[in-house]
Amino acid sequence: MNARGFSLVEVIVAVVILCVGILALTRTSGAIARMTGLGRHASASATLASSRLERLRAAPCLPGTTAGSASAGRFREQWMATLAGTERALRVIVSYDDGRRARADTYETRSKCWD
């Protein structure tokens, strides 16, 4: 910088640096919005599966395999309870479309049969 102000080259360099920073910020905010949406779907999927697993745990232990499916909005759940000795293997699969692709989350646990 001289006594008369900034040169044209200095102004152009400053504008280019500013534009690169703004583009990086814009790209980052898009990624954050996308991840927030994915987190919202994953959270809803986990809540739905947790509810189904609690209902399966509360149900009586029946010999063999019990299975079923249901839909709730954009989510589709499939479940299976298999008796093995004094335990049941419980599995819930929640499928949904996150706007970009189809996803399926699998949740598994074991439950004691006290009958």
C-alpha atoms as a PDB file:
ATOM      1  CA  MET A   1       0.000   0.000   0.000  1.00  0.00           C
ATOM      2  CA  ASN A   2       1.328   3.422  -0.868  1.00  0.00           C
ATOM      3  CA  ALA A   3       0.163   6.887   0.185  1.00  0.00           C
ATOM      4  CA  ARG A   4      -2.634   6.941  -2.443  1.00  0.00           C
ATOM      5  CA  GLY A   5      -4.358   3.639  -1.370  1.00  0.00           C
ATOM      6  CA  PHE A   6      -4.479   0.010  -2.519  1.00  0.00           C
ATOM      7  CA  SER A   7      -3.338  -1.126  -5.959  1.00  0.00           C
ATOM      8  CA  LEU A   8      -5.696  -2.951  -8.302  1.00  0.00           C
ATOM      9  CA  VAL A   9      -3.745  -6.210  -7.870  1.00  0.00           C
ATOM     10  CA  GLU A  10      -4.138  -6.060  -4.067  1.00  0.00           C
ATOM     11  CA  VAL A  11      -7.890  -5.518  -4.392  1.00  0.00           C
ATOM     12  CA  ILE A  12      -8.264  -8.439  -6.846  1.00  0.00           C
ATOM     13  CA  VAL A  13      -6.273 -10.764  -4.561  1.00  0.00           C
ATOM     14  CA  ALA A  14      -8.418  -9.746  -1.573  1.00  0.00           C
ATOM     15  CA  VAL A  15     -11.648 -10.354  -3.529  1.00  0.00           C
ATOM     16  CA  VAL A  16     -10.444 -13.800  -4.694  1.00  0.00           C
ATOM     17  CA  ILE A  17      -9.555 -14.805  -1.124  1.00  0.00           C
ATOM     18  CA  LEU A  18     -12.940 -13.581   0.101  1.00  0.00           C
ATOM     19  CA  CYS A  19     -14.776 -15.542  -2.632  1.00  0.00           C
ATOM     20  CA  VAL A  20     -12.891 -18.756  -1.812  1.00  0.00           C
ATOM     21  CA  GLY A  21     -13.853 -18.359   1.842  1.00  0.00           C
ATOM     22  CA  ILE A  22     -17.515 -17.742   1.017  1.00  0.00           C
ATOM     23  CA  LEU A  23     -17.639 -20.776  -1.303  1.00  0.00           C
ATOM     24  CA  ALA A  24     -16.102 -22.985   1.401  1.00  0.00           C
ATOM     25  CA  LEU A  25     -18.643 -21.721   3.923  1.00  0.00           C
ATOM     26  CA  THR A  26     -21.522 -22.380   1.516  1.00  0.00           C
ATOM     27  CA  ARG A  27     -20.325 -25.916   0.841  1.00  0.00           C
ATOM     28  CA  THR A  28     -19.923 -26.627   4.532  1.00  0.00           C
ATOM     29  CA  SER A  29     -23.410 -25.369   5.369  1.00  0.00           C
ATOM     30  CA  GLY A  30     -24.884 -27.662   2.686  1.00  0.00           C
ATOM     31  CA  ALA A  31     -23.083 -30.651   4.169  1.00  0.00           C
ATOM     32  CA  ILE A  32     -24.287 -29.734   7.655  1.00  0.00           C
ATOM     33  CA  ALA A  33     -27.891 -29.496   6.448  1.00  0.00           C
ATOM     34  CA  ARG A  34     -27.597 -32.898   4.752  1.00  0.00           C
ATOM     35  CA  MET A  35     -26.112 -34.518   7.874  1.00  0.00           C
ATOM     36  CA  THR A  36     -28.829 -32.994  10.045  1.00  0.00           C
ATOM     37  CA  GLY A  37     -31.480 -34.573   7.812  1.00  0.00           C
ATOM     38  CA  LEU A  38     -29.738 -37.957   7.948  1.00  0.00           C
ATOM     39  CA  GLY A  39     -29.530 -37.700  11.736  1.00  0.00           C
ATOM     40  CA  ARG A  40     -33.230 -36.906  11.955  1.00  0.00           C
ATOM     41  CA  HIS A  41     -34.112 -40.003   9.910  1.00  0.00           C
ATOM     42  CA  ALA A  42     -31.722 -42.230  11.882  1.00  0.00           C
ATOM     43  CA  SER A  43     -33.165 -40.957  15.165  1.00  0.00           C
ATOM     44  CA  ALA A  44     -36.740 -41.636  14.030  1.00  0.00           C
ATOM     45  CA  SER A  45     -35.672 -45.105  12.866  1.00  0.00           C
ATOM     46  CA  ALA A  46     -34.088 -45.887  16.255  1.00  0.00           C
ATOM     47  CA  THR A  47     -37.164 -44.625  18.128  1.00  0.00           C
ATOM     48  CA  LEU A  48     -39.486 -46.755  15.993  1.00  0.00           C
ATOM     49  CA  ALA A  49     -37.281 -49.847  16.466  1.00  0.00           C
ATOM     50  CA  SER A  50     -37.007 -49.262  20.224  1.00  0.00           C
ATOM     51  CA  SER A  51     -40.775 -49.087  20.508  1.00  0.00           C
ATOM     52  CA  ARG A  52     -41.185 -52.311  18.526  1.00  0.00           C
ATOM     53  CA  LEU A  53     -38.518 -54.116  20.578  1.00  0.00           C
ATOM     54  CA  GLU A  54     -40.276 -53.106  23.813  1.00  0.00           C
ATOM     55  CA  ARG A  55     -43.567 -54.497  22.484  1.00  0.00           C
ATOM     56  CA  LEU A  56     -41.827 -57.732  21.462  1.00  0.00           C
ATOM     57  CA  ARG A  57     -40.229 -58.053  24.922  1.00  0.00           C
ATOM     58  CA  ALA A  58     -43.640 -57.576  26.568  1.00  0.00           C
ATOM     59  CA  ALA A  59     -45.298 -60.242  24.382  1.00  0.00           C
ATOM     60  CA  PRO A  60     -45.453 -63.831  25.632  1.00  0.00           C
ATOM     61  CA  CYS A  61     -42.741 -66.241  24.474  1.00  0.00           C
ATOM     62  CA  LEU A  62     -44.190 -68.509  21.800  1.00  0.00           C
ATOM     63  CA  PRO A  63     -42.444 -71.562  20.341  1.00  0.00           C
ATOM     64  CA  GLY A  64     -40.942 -71.119  16.879  1.00  0.00           C
ATOM     65  CA  THR A  65     -40.600 -67.836  15.087  1.00  0.00           C
ATOM     66  CA  THR A  66     -42.970 -64.882  15.214  1.00  0.00           C
ATOM     67  CA  ALA A  67     -42.671 -62.292  12.446  1.00  0.00           C
ATOM     68  CA  GLY A  68     -44.526 -59.302  11.112  1.00  0.00           C
ATOM     69  CA  SER A  69     -44.307 -55.981   9.340  1.00  0.00           C
ATOM     70  CA  ALA A  70     -45.886 -52.552   9.469  1.00  0.00           C
ATOM     71  CA  SER A  71     -45.585 -49.124   7.877  1.00  0.00           C
ATOM     72  CA  ALA A  72     -45.542 -45.758   9.609  1.00  0.00           C
ATOM     73  CA  GLY A  73     -45.240 -42.784   7.267  1.00  0.00           C
ATOM     74  CA  ARG A  74     -42.084 -43.141   5.189  1.00  0.00           C
ATOM     75  CA  PHE A  75     -40.786 -45.914   7.477  1.00  0.00           C
ATOM     76  CA  ARG A  76     -41.410 -49.621   7.012  1.00  0.00           C
ATOM     77  CA  GLU A  77     -40.546 -52.008   9.805  1.00  0.00           C
ATOM     78  CA  GLN A  78     -40.125 -55.783   9.756  1.00  0.00           C
ATOM     79  CA  TRP A  79     -39.603 -57.797  12.906  1.00  0.00           C
ATOM     80  CA  MET A  80     -38.858 -61.344  13.919  1.00  0.00           C
ATOM     81  CA  ALA A  81     -38.728 -63.073  17.323  1.00  0.00           C
ATOM     82  CA  THR A  82     -37.144 -66.537  17.455  1.00  0.00           C
ATOM     83  CA  LEU A  83     -37.300 -68.692  20.580  1.00  0.00           C
ATOM     84  CA  ALA A  84     -34.060 -70.498  21.457  1.00  0.00           C
ATOM     85  CA  GLY A  85     -34.192 -72.254  24.835  1.00  0.00           C
ATOM     86  CA  THR A  86     -35.001 -69.701  27.527  1.00  0.00           C
ATOM     87  CA  GLU A  87     -34.152 -66.722  25.306  1.00  0.00           C
ATOM     88  CA  ARG A  88     -35.675 -64.994  22.334  1.00  0.00           C
ATOM     89  CA  ALA A  89     -33.620 -63.419  19.574  1.00  0.00           C
ATOM     90  CA  LEU A  90     -35.377 -60.200  18.532  1.00  0.00           C
ATOM     91  CA  ARG A  91     -34.631 -58.414  15.268  1.00  0.00           C
ATOM     92  CA  VAL A  92     -36.214 -55.282  13.844  1.00  0.00           C
ATOM     93  CA  ILE A  93     -35.342 -53.883  10.413  1.00  0.00           C
ATOM     94  CA  VAL A  94     -36.478 -50.330   9.680  1.00  0.00           C
ATOM     95  CA  SER A  95     -36.372 -49.282   6.002  1.00  0.00           C
ATOM     96  CA  TYR A  96     -36.797 -45.742   4.703  1.00  0.00           C
ATOM     97  CA  ASP A  97     -35.816 -43.424   1.885  1.00  0.00           C
ATOM     98  CA  ASP A  98     -33.692 -40.528   3.111  1.00  0.00           C
ATOM     99  CA  GLY A  99     -34.259 -38.469  -0.033  1.00  0.00           C
ATOM    100  CA  ARG A 100     -31.035 -39.610  -1.684  1.00  0.00           C
ATOM    101  CA  ARG A 101     -31.221 -43.397  -1.399  1.00  0.00           C
ATOM    102  CA  ALA A 102     -33.015 -46.238   0.335  1.00  0.00           C
ATOM    103  CA  ARG A 103     -31.661 -47.193   3.741  1.00  0.00           C
ATOM    104  CA  ALA A 104     -32.283 -50.077   6.128  1.00  0.00           C
ATOM    105  CA  ASP A 105     -31.246 -50.065   9.787  1.00  0.00           C
ATOM    106  CA  THR A 106     -31.115 -53.389  11.661  1.00  0.00           C
ATOM    107  CA  TYR A 107     -31.555 -53.611  15.438  1.00  0.00           C
ATOM    108  CA  GLU A 108     -31.031 -56.867  17.319  1.00  0.00           C
ATOM    109  CA  THR A 109     -31.232 -57.926  20.949  1.00  0.00           C
ATOM    110  CA  ARG A 110     -31.988 -60.945  23.123  1.00  0.00           C
ATOM    111  CA  SER A 111     -34.736 -61.246  25.710  1.00  0.00           C
ATOM    112  CA  LYS A 112     -35.173 -63.777  28.531  1.00  0.00           C
ATOM    113  CA  CYS A 113     -38.360 -65.829  28.679  1.00  0.00           C
ATOM    114  CA  TRP A 114     -39.598 -66.165  32.237  1.00  0.00           C
ATOM    115  CA  ASP A 115     -42.558 -68.490  31.502  1.00  0.00           C
END
